[in-house]
N, C-alpha and C. Protein backbone atom coordinates (compact mmCIF):
# COMPACT_ATOMS: atom_id res chain seq x y z
N MET A 1 0.95 -1.22 -0.39
CA MET A 1 -0.24 -0.28 0.06
C MET A 1 0.94 1.26 0.34
N ILE A 2 0.52 1.39 -0.94
CA ILE A 2 0.89 3.76 -0.80
C ILE A 2 0.51 4.14 -0.36
N GLU A 3 1.55 5.27 0.91
CA GLU A 3 1.27 6.36 1.54
C GLU A 3 1.72 7.65 1.78
N CYS A 4 1.47 8.64 1.69
CA CYS A 4 1.57 10.42 1.15
C CYS A 4 1.86 10.58 2.69
N LEU A 5 3.47 11.75 1.89
CA LEU A 5 3.91 12.18 3.12
C LEU A 5 3.92 13.79 3.10
N PHE A 6 3.16 14.48 3.58
CA PHE A 6 3.50 15.88 3.11
C PHE A 6 4.24 16.92 4.26
N SER A 7 5.07 17.69 3.27
CA SER A 7 5.74 18.66 4.19
C SER A 7 5.02 20.25 4.57
N TYR A 8 5.63 20.47 5.38
CA TYR A 8 4.75 21.90 6.27
C TYR A 8 5.51 22.81 6.73
N LEU A 9 5.25 24.11 6.03
CA LEU A 9 6.27 25.46 6.82
C LEU A 9 5.48 25.90 7.73
N PRO A 10 5.36 25.94 9.16
CA PRO A 10 4.48 26.36 9.78
C PRO A 10 4.50 28.50 9.54
N THR A 11 5.79 29.10 9.61
CA THR A 11 6.30 30.11 9.10
C THR A 11 5.26 30.68 8.53
N LEU A 12 5.75 30.06 6.92
CA LEU A 12 4.49 30.89 5.78
C LEU A 12 3.79 30.32 6.11
N GLU A 13 3.12 29.24 6.30
CA GLU A 13 1.29 29.53 6.14
C GLU A 13 0.13 29.94 7.13
N ALA A 14 1.37 30.18 7.95
CA ALA A 14 0.63 31.06 9.09
C ALA A 14 0.80 32.73 8.12
N GLN A 15 1.03 33.08 7.85
CA GLN A 15 1.42 34.43 6.49
C GLN A 15 0.63 34.15 5.09
N HIS A 16 0.69 32.67 4.45
CA HIS A 16 -0.24 32.57 3.12
C HIS A 16 -0.35 31.63 3.63
N PRO A 17 -1.63 31.18 3.58
CA PRO A 17 -2.60 29.50 2.99
C PRO A 17 -1.39 29.45 2.13
N VAL A 18 -1.72 27.53 2.51
CA VAL A 18 -0.72 26.58 1.42
C VAL A 18 -2.12 25.83 1.35
N ASN A 19 -1.92 25.48 0.19
CA ASN A 19 -3.02 23.93 -0.69
C ASN A 19 -3.14 22.56 0.20
N TRP A 20 -1.54 22.30 0.33
CA TRP A 20 -1.32 21.23 0.48
C TRP A 20 -2.09 20.37 1.73
N ARG A 21 -2.40 21.00 2.78
CA ARG A 21 -4.06 19.92 3.37
C ARG A 21 -4.76 20.06 2.14
N GLU A 22 -5.76 20.60 1.50
CA GLU A 22 -6.48 20.26 0.47
C GLU A 22 -6.13 18.96 -0.66
N GLU A 23 -4.95 18.86 -1.07
CA GLU A 23 -4.66 17.68 -1.53
C GLU A 23 -4.63 16.64 -0.66
N ALA A 24 -3.91 16.56 0.60
CA ALA A 24 -4.09 15.41 1.46
C ALA A 24 -5.22 15.04 1.72
N GLU A 25 -6.47 16.07 1.76
CA GLU A 25 -8.14 15.54 2.31
C GLU A 25 -8.39 14.90 0.72
N ALA A 26 -7.86 15.19 -0.61
CA ALA A 26 -8.31 14.63 -0.82
C ALA A 26 -8.17 13.28 -1.39
N ALA A 27 -6.65 13.15 -0.87
CA ALA A 27 -6.48 11.80 -1.02
C ALA A 27 -6.42 11.06 -0.25
N GLU A 28 -6.89 11.13 1.51
CA GLU A 28 -7.23 10.46 2.32
C GLU A 28 -9.50 10.48 2.15
N GLU A 29 -9.74 11.04 0.94
CA GLU A 29 -10.37 10.53 0.52
C GLU A 29 -10.97 9.59 -0.40
N LEU A 30 -9.99 9.73 -1.15
CA LEU A 30 -9.71 8.15 -1.69
C LEU A 30 -9.11 6.72 -1.20
N ASP A 31 -8.71 6.83 0.05
CA ASP A 31 -8.72 6.14 0.65
C ASP A 31 -6.08 5.52 1.30
N PHE A 32 -6.57 7.00 1.20
CA PHE A 32 -4.36 7.30 1.16
C PHE A 32 -4.78 7.31 2.34
N VAL A 33 -3.06 6.84 2.94
CA VAL A 33 -2.94 6.74 4.24
C VAL A 33 -1.81 8.90 3.68
N CYS A 34 -2.52 9.09 4.80
CA CYS A 34 -1.62 10.63 4.81
C CYS A 34 -0.71 10.97 6.12
N HIS A 35 0.82 11.80 5.46
CA HIS A 35 1.29 11.86 7.02
C HIS A 35 1.66 13.59 6.96
N SER A 36 2.39 13.66 7.98
CA SER A 36 2.78 15.15 7.88
C SER A 36 4.33 15.37 7.87
N PHE A 37 5.13 16.80 7.84
CA PHE A 37 6.30 16.43 8.86
C PHE A 37 5.93 18.09 8.67
N ASP A 38 6.93 18.94 9.70
CA ASP A 38 7.14 20.24 9.51
C ASP A 38 9.01 20.27 8.44
N MET A 39 8.77 21.05 7.68
CA MET A 39 9.75 21.56 6.88
C MET A 39 10.86 22.08 7.62
N GLU A 40 9.86 22.98 8.16
CA GLU A 40 11.51 24.28 8.40
C GLU A 40 12.31 23.75 10.18
N ARG A 41 11.82 22.61 11.01
CA ARG A 41 12.54 21.50 11.38
C ARG A 41 13.31 20.63 10.69
N PHE A 42 13.03 20.26 9.91
CA PHE A 42 14.36 19.08 8.72
C PHE A 42 14.72 20.52 8.13
N LEU A 43 14.64 21.13 7.28
CA LEU A 43 15.67 22.17 6.97
C LEU A 43 16.79 22.42 7.79
N ASP A 44 16.88 22.98 9.40
CA ASP A 44 16.83 23.37 10.19
C ASP A 44 18.11 22.19 11.28
N GLY A 45 17.57 21.08 9.95
CA GLY A 45 18.72 19.93 10.63
C GLY A 45 18.23 18.87 11.69
N ASP A 46 16.67 19.57 12.05
CA ASP A 46 16.49 18.30 13.31
C ASP A 46 15.67 17.08 12.47
N VAL A 47 16.52 16.67 11.75
CA VAL A 47 15.84 15.57 10.92
C VAL A 47 14.67 14.89 11.07
N GLU A 48 15.38 14.42 12.92
CA GLU A 48 14.79 13.08 13.14
C GLU A 48 13.34 14.08 14.04
N GLY A 49 13.54 15.36 15.27
CA GLY A 49 12.16 15.87 15.17
C GLY A 49 11.09 15.94 14.49
N ALA A 50 11.72 16.28 12.85
CA ALA A 50 11.05 16.52 11.91
C ALA A 50 9.87 15.59 11.18
N LEU A 51 10.11 14.63 11.58
CA LEU A 51 9.88 12.86 11.53
C LEU A 51 9.15 11.85 12.79
N GLU A 52 8.84 12.13 13.96
CA GLU A 52 8.96 12.16 15.10
C GLU A 52 7.48 11.09 14.89
N HIS A 53 6.53 11.45 14.32
CA HIS A 53 4.96 11.36 14.24
C HIS A 53 4.83 10.59 13.67
N LEU A 54 6.06 10.40 12.40
CA LEU A 54 6.19 8.75 11.23
C LEU A 54 5.85 7.62 11.97
N PRO A 55 4.08 7.27 11.74
CA PRO A 55 4.89 5.88 12.92
C PRO A 55 5.94 4.92 11.93
N ASN A 56 5.69 3.71 12.42
CA ASN A 56 6.59 2.66 11.85
C ASN A 56 5.92 2.12 10.65
N GLY A 57 6.12 1.70 9.44
CA GLY A 57 5.98 1.87 8.31
C GLY A 57 5.72 0.26 7.78
N GLY A 58 6.43 -1.05 8.64
CA GLY A 58 6.28 -2.25 8.21
C GLY A 58 6.52 -1.83 6.61
N GLY A 59 7.34 -1.36 5.98
CA GLY A 59 7.66 -1.90 4.94
C GLY A 59 6.93 -1.73 3.00
N ARG A 60 5.88 -0.85 4.56
CA ARG A 60 4.55 -0.11 3.11
C ARG A 60 5.88 1.44 2.19
N THR A 61 5.79 2.20 1.38
CA THR A 61 5.63 3.27 0.52
C THR A 61 5.39 4.10 0.95
N LEU A 62 5.90 5.76 0.73
CA LEU A 62 6.02 6.80 1.08
C LEU A 62 5.31 7.27 -0.11
N VAL A 63 4.92 8.35 -0.77
CA VAL A 63 4.74 9.47 -1.40
C VAL A 63 5.14 10.96 -1.22
N TYR A 64 6.49 11.12 -1.68
CA TYR A 64 6.69 12.92 -0.87
C TYR A 64 6.25 13.66 -2.24
N ARG A 65 5.94 14.46 -0.68
CA ARG A 65 4.53 15.74 -1.77
C ARG A 65 4.72 16.72 -0.94
N GLY A 66 5.66 17.77 -1.18
CA GLY A 66 6.59 18.47 -0.83
C GLY A 66 7.79 19.33 -1.57
N TRP A 67 8.20 20.73 -0.87
CA TRP A 67 8.87 21.13 -1.16
C TRP A 67 10.16 20.19 -1.81
N LEU A 68 10.71 21.15 -2.95
CA LEU A 68 11.91 20.40 -3.72
C LEU A 68 13.26 20.85 -2.74
N LEU A 69 13.87 20.14 -2.72
CA LEU A 69 14.94 18.77 -1.71
C LEU A 69 16.39 18.60 -2.74
N LYS A 70 17.36 19.39 -2.27
CA LYS A 70 19.06 19.32 -2.11
C LYS A 70 19.04 17.88 -2.37
N GLU A 71 19.74 17.21 -3.28
CA GLU A 71 20.55 15.91 -3.06
C GLU A 71 20.59 15.06 -1.46
N ASP A 72 21.55 16.00 -0.41
CA ASP A 72 21.44 15.92 0.45
C ASP A 72 20.42 15.82 1.59
N GLU A 73 19.93 17.02 1.04
CA GLU A 73 18.98 17.38 2.15
C GLU A 73 17.41 16.19 1.56
N TYR A 74 17.38 15.56 0.51
CA TYR A 74 16.43 14.08 0.23
C TYR A 74 16.66 13.41 0.38
N ARG A 75 17.90 12.85 0.09
CA ARG A 75 18.80 11.98 1.12
C ARG A 75 18.31 11.43 2.46
N SER A 76 19.09 12.56 3.42
CA SER A 76 18.22 12.72 5.42
C SER A 76 16.65 12.27 4.96
N LEU A 77 16.17 12.94 3.66
CA LEU A 77 14.65 12.19 4.16
C LEU A 77 14.62 11.59 4.24
N GLU A 78 15.20 10.55 2.55
CA GLU A 78 14.88 9.15 2.42
C GLU A 78 15.47 7.82 4.16
N ASP A 79 16.61 8.50 4.54
CA ASP A 79 17.33 7.88 5.15
C ASP A 79 16.03 7.45 6.76
N GLU A 80 15.41 8.45 6.66
CA GLU A 80 14.99 8.73 8.42
C GLU A 80 13.75 8.24 7.51
N VAL A 81 12.97 8.29 6.53
CA VAL A 81 12.19 7.60 5.97
C VAL A 81 11.42 6.16 6.15
N ASN A 82 13.37 5.73 5.84
CA ASN A 82 13.29 3.87 6.19
C ASN A 82 13.76 3.68 8.04
N SER A 83 14.21 4.89 8.30
CA SER A 83 14.21 3.91 9.42
C SER A 83 13.09 4.01 10.39
N HIS A 84 12.11 4.96 9.43
CA HIS A 84 10.76 4.54 10.15
C HIS A 84 10.40 3.44 10.10
N GLY A 85 10.47 2.01 9.09
CA GLY A 85 10.45 1.32 8.67
C GLY A 85 9.48 1.66 7.03
N TYR A 86 9.50 2.95 6.14
CA TYR A 86 8.47 2.75 5.46
C TYR A 86 10.51 3.13 3.96
N SER A 87 9.64 3.23 2.36
CA SER A 87 10.47 3.09 1.71
C SER A 87 10.59 4.87 0.80
N LEU A 88 10.68 5.48 -0.55
CA LEU A 88 9.70 6.20 -0.12
C LEU A 88 9.82 5.27 -1.82
N LEU A 89 8.66 6.36 -2.39
CA LEU A 89 8.59 6.04 -4.05
C LEU A 89 9.67 6.29 -5.37
N THR A 90 10.23 7.11 -4.64
CA THR A 90 10.93 7.77 -5.21
C THR A 90 12.53 8.36 -5.41
N ASN A 91 12.82 7.48 -4.94
CA ASN A 91 14.32 7.22 -4.44
C ASN A 91 15.94 8.21 -4.43
N THR A 92 16.68 8.56 -3.94
CA THR A 92 17.41 9.93 -3.93
C THR A 92 17.74 9.82 -5.60
N ASN A 93 18.38 8.88 -5.72
CA ASN A 93 19.02 8.38 -6.64
C ASN A 93 17.46 9.12 -7.87
N GLN A 94 16.93 8.61 -8.02
CA GLN A 94 15.79 8.43 -8.87
C GLN A 94 15.41 10.27 -9.16
N ASN A 95 14.74 11.04 -8.08
CA ASN A 95 14.75 11.96 -7.66
C ASN A 95 15.86 12.80 -7.81
N LEU A 96 17.38 12.16 -8.29
CA LEU A 96 18.41 13.95 -9.13
C LEU A 96 18.22 13.53 -10.23
N GLU A 97 17.65 12.23 -11.25
CA GLU A 97 17.97 11.76 -12.15
C GLU A 97 16.32 12.42 -12.99
N ALA A 98 15.68 12.66 -12.42
CA ALA A 98 14.19 13.70 -12.38
C ALA A 98 13.98 15.08 -12.91
N LEU A 99 14.98 15.48 -11.81
CA LEU A 99 15.57 17.28 -11.78
C LEU A 99 16.53 17.56 -12.29
N LEU A 100 18.16 16.97 -12.69
CA LEU A 100 19.20 17.91 -12.93
C LEU A 100 18.94 17.63 -14.68
N LEU A 101 18.52 18.66 -14.84
CA LEU A 101 19.03 18.07 -16.41
C LEU A 101 20.15 17.67 -17.37
N PRO A 102 21.48 17.69 -16.16
CA PRO A 102 22.50 16.89 -17.34
C PRO A 102 22.13 14.96 -17.11
N ASN A 103 21.13 14.66 -15.76
CA ASN A 103 20.61 13.34 -15.82
C ASN A 103 19.71 13.03 -16.73
N TRP A 104 18.65 14.10 -17.58
CA TRP A 104 17.97 13.47 -17.62
C TRP A 104 18.17 13.91 -19.53
N HIS A 105 18.71 15.27 -19.93
CA HIS A 105 18.30 15.96 -21.43
C HIS A 105 19.44 15.05 -22.31
N LEU A 106 20.24 13.57 -21.85
CA LEU A 106 20.70 12.26 -23.47
C LEU A 106 19.34 12.01 -23.41
N ARG A 107 18.54 11.25 -23.34
CA ARG A 107 17.53 10.67 -22.96
C ARG A 107 16.63 11.45 -24.10
N VAL A 108 15.98 13.05 -23.98
CA VAL A 108 15.12 13.27 -24.83
C VAL A 108 15.75 14.50 -25.87
N ALA A 109 17.07 13.99 -25.75
CA ALA A 109 17.97 14.92 -26.61
C ALA A 109 17.72 15.09 -28.59
N GLU A 110 17.08 13.71 -28.81
CA GLU A 110 16.63 13.22 -30.27
C GLU A 110 14.82 13.92 -29.88
N PHE A 111 14.33 14.28 -29.24
CA PHE A 111 13.39 14.66 -30.00
C PHE A 111 12.80 16.00 -29.69
N ALA A 112 13.29 17.00 -29.11
CA ALA A 112 14.27 18.10 -28.77
C ALA A 112 14.51 18.22 -30.29
N ARG A 113 14.26 19.54 -30.77
CA ARG A 113 14.60 20.70 -31.49
C ARG A 113 15.52 21.27 -31.18
N PRO A 114 16.50 21.45 -32.43
CA PRO A 114 18.20 21.93 -32.52
C PRO A 114 17.52 22.99 -31.65
N PRO A 115 18.62 24.10 -31.05
CA PRO A 115 18.18 25.78 -30.49
C PRO A 115 17.96 26.33 -31.40
N SER A 116 17.44 27.37 -30.94
CA SER A 116 17.05 28.13 -32.13
C SER A 116 16.77 29.88 -30.91
N GLY A 117 16.75 31.61 -31.49
CA GLY A 117 16.44 31.77 -31.41
C GLY A 117 17.43 32.93 -30.97
N PRO A 118 18.40 34.14 -30.47
CA PRO A 118 19.14 35.15 -30.84
C PRO A 118 20.67 34.50 -31.02
N GLY A 119 21.00 34.69 -31.64
CA GLY A 119 22.68 34.29 -32.64
C GLY A 119 22.32 32.72 -33.53
N ILE A 120 21.64 32.50 -33.47
CA ILE A 120 21.16 31.25 -34.03
C ILE A 120 20.51 30.49 -35.08
N LEU A 121 20.89 30.65 -36.76
CA LEU A 121 20.45 30.78 -37.88
C LEU A 121 19.67 29.27 -38.42
N ILE A 122 18.52 29.48 -38.23
CA ILE A 122 17.80 27.75 -38.64
C ILE A 122 17.20 28.46 -40.05
N ARG A 123 18.22 27.08 -41.51
CA ARG A 123 16.89 27.18 -42.52
C ARG A 123 16.08 26.64 -42.77
N LYS A 124 15.48 25.92 -43.38
CA LYS A 124 14.35 25.18 -42.85
C LYS A 124 14.47 24.46 -45.02
N LYS A 125 14.09 25.64 -45.82
CA LYS A 125 14.96 25.19 -47.43
C LYS A 125 15.69 26.22 -48.01
N ARG A 126 16.07 25.72 -48.81
CA ARG A 126 17.27 26.61 -49.37
C ARG A 126 16.61 27.71 -50.28
N GLY A 127 16.60 29.14 -50.27
CA GLY A 127 16.24 29.92 -50.73
C GLY A 127 14.93 30.56 -49.92
N LYS A 128 14.70 30.38 -48.94
CA LYS A 128 13.70 30.57 -47.92
C LYS A 128 14.45 31.66 -47.17
N PRO A 129 13.35 32.76 -46.66
CA PRO A 129 14.43 33.22 -45.49
C PRO A 129 14.36 32.77 -44.00
N PRO A 130 15.62 32.76 -43.71
CA PRO A 130 15.59 32.27 -41.97
C PRO A 130 14.69 32.62 -40.76
N SER A 131 14.18 30.88 -40.02
CA SER A 131 13.52 31.69 -38.71
C SER A 131 13.61 32.84 -37.40
N VAL A 132 15.72 32.67 -37.98
CA VAL A 132 16.06 33.41 -36.63
C VAL A 132 17.03 34.57 -37.44
N SER A 133 17.11 35.85 -37.79
CA SER A 133 18.29 36.24 -38.06
C SER A 133 19.30 37.51 -37.60
N ALA A 134 20.22 36.67 -37.04
CA ALA A 134 21.19 37.23 -36.21
C ALA A 134 22.26 36.78 -36.07
N ARG A 135 23.30 37.60 -35.41
CA ARG A 135 24.30 37.15 -35.37
C ARG A 135 24.75 36.31 -34.54
N LEU A 136 25.92 35.34 -35.25
CA LEU A 136 26.12 34.48 -33.14
C LEU A 136 26.67 34.81 -32.67
N PRO A 137 26.93 34.82 -31.70
CA PRO A 137 27.64 35.68 -30.39
C PRO A 137 28.66 35.41 -30.08
N THR A 138 29.96 35.78 -30.12
CA THR A 138 31.41 35.39 -30.15
C THR A 138 31.14 34.06 -28.60
N PHE A 139 32.23 33.47 -29.05
CA PHE A 139 31.84 31.82 -27.73
C PHE A 139 33.54 32.18 -27.15
N SER A 140 33.73 31.80 -25.33
CA SER A 140 35.19 31.28 -25.52
C SER A 140 35.96 30.37 -26.03
N ARG A 141 37.17 29.78 -25.30
CA ARG A 141 37.30 28.40 -25.83
C ARG A 141 37.22 27.01 -25.17
N THR A 142 36.32 28.28 -24.03
CA THR A 142 35.42 27.00 -22.91
C THR A 142 34.64 26.52 -23.12
N THR A 143 33.66 27.33 -23.68
CA THR A 143 32.29 27.23 -23.82
C THR A 143 31.97 26.96 -25.68
N PRO A 144 31.14 25.77 -25.13
CA PRO A 144 31.64 24.90 -26.72
C PRO A 144 30.01 25.83 -27.21
N ASN A 145 30.47 25.77 -28.61
CA ASN A 145 29.56 26.50 -29.70
C ASN A 145 28.23 25.92 -29.71
N PRO A 146 26.97 25.81 -29.59
CA PRO A 146 26.37 25.73 -29.67
C PRO A 146 25.57 24.97 -31.20
N ALA A 147 25.95 26.34 -32.11
CA ALA A 147 25.90 26.34 -33.74
C ALA A 147 26.61 25.53 -34.72
N LYS A 148 27.46 24.87 -33.31
CA LYS A 148 28.35 24.54 -34.22
C LYS A 148 27.97 22.46 -33.66
N ARG A 149 27.26 22.88 -32.88
CA ARG A 149 27.26 21.10 -32.38
C ARG A 149 26.26 20.69 -32.79
N HIS A 150 25.33 21.59 -33.28
CA HIS A 150 24.19 21.19 -34.25
C HIS A 150 23.47 21.16 -35.80
N GLY A 151 25.36 21.75 -36.24
CA GLY A 151 25.53 21.60 -37.18
C GLY A 151 25.41 22.51 -38.12
N LEU A 152 25.13 23.86 -37.37
CA LEU A 152 24.33 25.08 -37.85
C LEU A 152 25.35 26.25 -37.98
N LYS A 153 25.19 27.33 -38.67
CA LYS A 153 26.04 28.16 -39.23
C LYS A 153 25.93 29.30 -39.29
N PRO A 154 26.47 30.25 -39.00
CA PRO A 154 26.34 31.39 -39.21
C PRO A 154 25.49 32.11 -40.45
N ALA A 155 24.42 33.59 -40.17
CA ALA A 155 23.91 33.93 -40.98
C ALA A 155 25.01 35.13 -42.00
N THR A 156 24.98 34.21 -43.45
CA THR A 156 25.48 34.36 -44.41
C THR A 156 25.34 35.92 -45.16
N PHE A 157 24.23 35.80 -45.12
CA PHE A 157 22.71 36.56 -46.59
C PHE A 157 22.73 38.49 -46.29
N ARG A 158 22.72 39.36 -46.50
CA ARG A 158 22.81 40.30 -46.54
C ARG A 158 21.91 41.17 -47.14
N LEU A 159 21.10 41.82 -46.02
CA LEU A 159 19.27 42.57 -46.46
C LEU A 159 20.07 43.61 -47.64
N LYS A 160 19.73 43.99 -48.63
CA LYS A 160 18.87 44.90 -49.13
C LYS A 160 17.96 45.69 -49.47
N HIS A 161 18.63 46.49 -49.68
CA HIS A 161 17.07 47.75 -49.16
C HIS A 161 16.48 47.80 -50.74
N VAL A 162 14.74 47.91 -50.04
CA VAL A 162 13.86 46.77 -51.62
C VAL A 162 12.74 48.94 -52.02
N VAL A 163 13.56 48.63 -53.08
CA VAL A 163 12.22 49.69 -53.39
C VAL A 163 11.34 49.75 -54.05
N PRO A 164 9.61 49.74 -54.05
CA PRO A 164 9.07 49.38 -54.44
C PRO A 164 8.48 49.83 -56.28
N GLY A 165 8.84 48.66 -56.68
CA GLY A 165 8.40 48.58 -58.81
C GLY A 165 10.01 48.27 -59.05
N LEU A 166 11.37 48.36 -59.12
CA LEU A 166 12.18 48.64 -59.16
C LEU A 166 12.54 46.41 -59.07
N SER A 167 12.54 46.67 -60.17
CA SER A 167 13.13 45.25 -61.20
C SER A 167 14.22 44.56 -59.71
N ARG A 168 14.50 43.42 -59.87
CA ARG A 168 15.61 42.54 -59.49
C ARG A 168 17.01 42.67 -59.78
N SER A 169 16.58 42.82 -60.90
CA SER A 169 18.54 43.10 -62.01
C SER A 169 18.34 44.73 -61.42
N ALA A 170 17.48 45.24 -61.64
CA ALA A 170 18.09 46.43 -61.03
C ALA A 170 18.84 47.18 -59.60
N ARG A 171 18.20 45.70 -58.46
CA ARG A 171 18.29 46.13 -56.91
C ARG A 171 19.98 45.61 -56.85
N LYS A 172 20.38 45.28 -57.55
CA LYS A 172 21.34 44.79 -57.70
C LYS A 172 22.71 45.40 -57.10
């Protein structure tokens, strides 16, 4: 059986209502068991005190529903939850893989469009105007050039002043 673990911030919630309780109530209506812990105590280093009300899990799984945590904080949460007989549905390594761009970008890179924006020129078909027309920025030796990485070339076209009614041969 999966249970939910919500974090709350007493000081913040005293000033601004936070809707975690609504989510917890909705989960309880669907027969999920919900627990909560004081995130302020947790972040102040009192991990055991913050989770002291968490009962023995008996090997059950918890879904953490709360604020994003740094790696060491999430690992502390996982260790404390494990000491109470639970396991987190998303362990620390899975959490990092999902949250940190370098850990997942390669998996979706083939589905992503090449970068576009200021400094990068993309030509879809020969003779068509570029979708982005700007100078490529200068890059230092330590900064990889994203245009080269994606096989793009800097803009090499010239803008010509067009006078209405003037033929193409006269514009040169």
